Amino acid sequence: MRQGCISLGMIQCDNCKIFIPHGERYLLIDNEDGAGTEAGKRSCYCLNCSLEKGLAEYREEKGERVLTFFPGETYNV
């Protein structure tokens, strides 16, 4: 499961190891299948790493540029 979260300041990115500042967005993923990581482990990715890995993208919706952690999926807003 993917969850877009807001940092409280004590979250560290599992990819680049930086601490995500208070109020910044990050992605939390439950690794249910164990693909590349231990099954049942949660992974946190900062916004930059999420964008680099293709786990997030910016879209144009209703005339605004918005960030989504569900790239490639289409839905009606």
Protein backbone atom coordinates (compact mmCIF):
# COMPACT_ATOMS: atom_id res chain seq x y z
CA MET A 1 0.00 0.00 0.00
CA ARG A 2 1.21 3.53 -0.75
CA GLN A 3 0.60 6.48 1.53
CA GLY A 4 1.50 10.09 0.93
CA CYS A 5 2.47 11.55 4.30
CA ILE A 6 3.72 14.77 5.87
CA SER A 7 6.90 14.58 7.93
CA LEU A 8 7.03 15.47 11.61
CA GLY A 9 10.80 15.89 11.32
CA MET A 10 12.10 12.51 12.48
CA ILE A 11 11.67 10.59 9.20
CA GLN A 12 14.70 9.41 7.21
CA CYS A 13 14.60 8.54 3.50
CA ASP A 14 15.53 4.88 2.94
CA ASN A 15 17.15 5.69 -0.39
CA CYS A 16 19.31 8.82 0.09
CA LYS A 17 19.35 8.71 3.93
CA ILE A 18 18.50 12.40 4.41
CA PHE A 19 16.13 13.45 7.19
CA ILE A 20 12.90 14.78 5.74
CA PRO A 21 12.21 18.24 7.22
CA HIS A 22 9.07 19.00 9.23
CA GLY A 23 6.10 19.71 6.98
CA GLU A 24 7.61 18.15 3.82
CA ARG A 25 5.82 15.38 1.94
CA TYR A 26 7.14 11.84 1.67
CA LEU A 27 5.97 8.44 0.46
CA LEU A 28 5.47 5.44 2.74
CA ILE A 29 5.25 2.02 1.09
CA ASP A 30 4.39 -1.32 2.70
CA ASN A 31 6.53 -3.98 1.00
CA GLU A 32 4.01 -6.81 0.93
CA ASP A 33 5.66 -8.87 -1.80
CA GLY A 34 9.25 -8.59 -0.58
CA ALA A 35 10.48 -7.46 -4.01
CA GLY A 36 14.01 -6.23 -3.36
CA THR A 37 13.31 -5.71 0.34
CA GLU A 38 12.16 -7.70 3.30
CA ALA A 39 8.45 -8.57 3.18
CA GLY A 40 6.41 -6.63 5.71
CA LYS A 41 8.98 -3.82 6.00
CA ARG A 42 7.95 -0.23 5.38
CA SER A 43 10.02 2.04 3.14
CA CYS A 44 10.05 5.84 3.30
CA TYR A 45 11.09 7.93 0.31
CA CYS A 46 11.58 11.70 0.18
CA LEU A 47 9.92 13.63 -2.60
CA ASN A 48 13.05 13.74 -4.79
CA CYS A 49 13.67 9.98 -4.52
CA SER A 50 9.98 9.27 -5.18
CA LEU A 51 10.13 11.33 -8.36
CA GLU A 52 13.41 9.70 -9.48
CA LYS A 53 12.07 6.18 -8.93
CA GLY A 54 8.81 6.96 -10.77
CA LEU A 55 6.73 6.52 -7.62
CA ALA A 56 5.38 10.08 -7.84
CA GLU A 57 4.65 12.56 -10.59
CA TYR A 58 3.28 16.02 -11.20
CA ARG A 59 0.01 16.27 -13.16
CA GLU A 60 -2.12 19.00 -14.58
CA GLU A 61 -5.59 18.84 -13.01
CA LYS A 62 -8.26 21.51 -13.21
CA GLY A 63 -5.68 24.00 -14.43
CA GLU A 64 -3.28 23.38 -11.52
CA ARG A 65 -0.06 21.42 -11.25
CA VAL A 66 -0.48 18.84 -8.47
CA LEU A 67 1.73 16.12 -7.03
CA THR A 68 0.43 12.56 -6.92
CA PHE A 69 1.94 9.42 -5.47
CA PHE A 70 -0.19 7.32 -7.82
CA PRO A 71 1.53 7.82 -11.21
CA GLY A 72 -0.03 6.36 -14.31
CA GLU A 73 -3.42 5.84 -12.68
CA THR A 74 -6.36 7.77 -14.04
CA TYR A 75 -9.19 8.95 -11.86
CA ASN A 76 -11.84 11.62 -11.96
CA VAL A 77 -11.56 14.48 -9.53
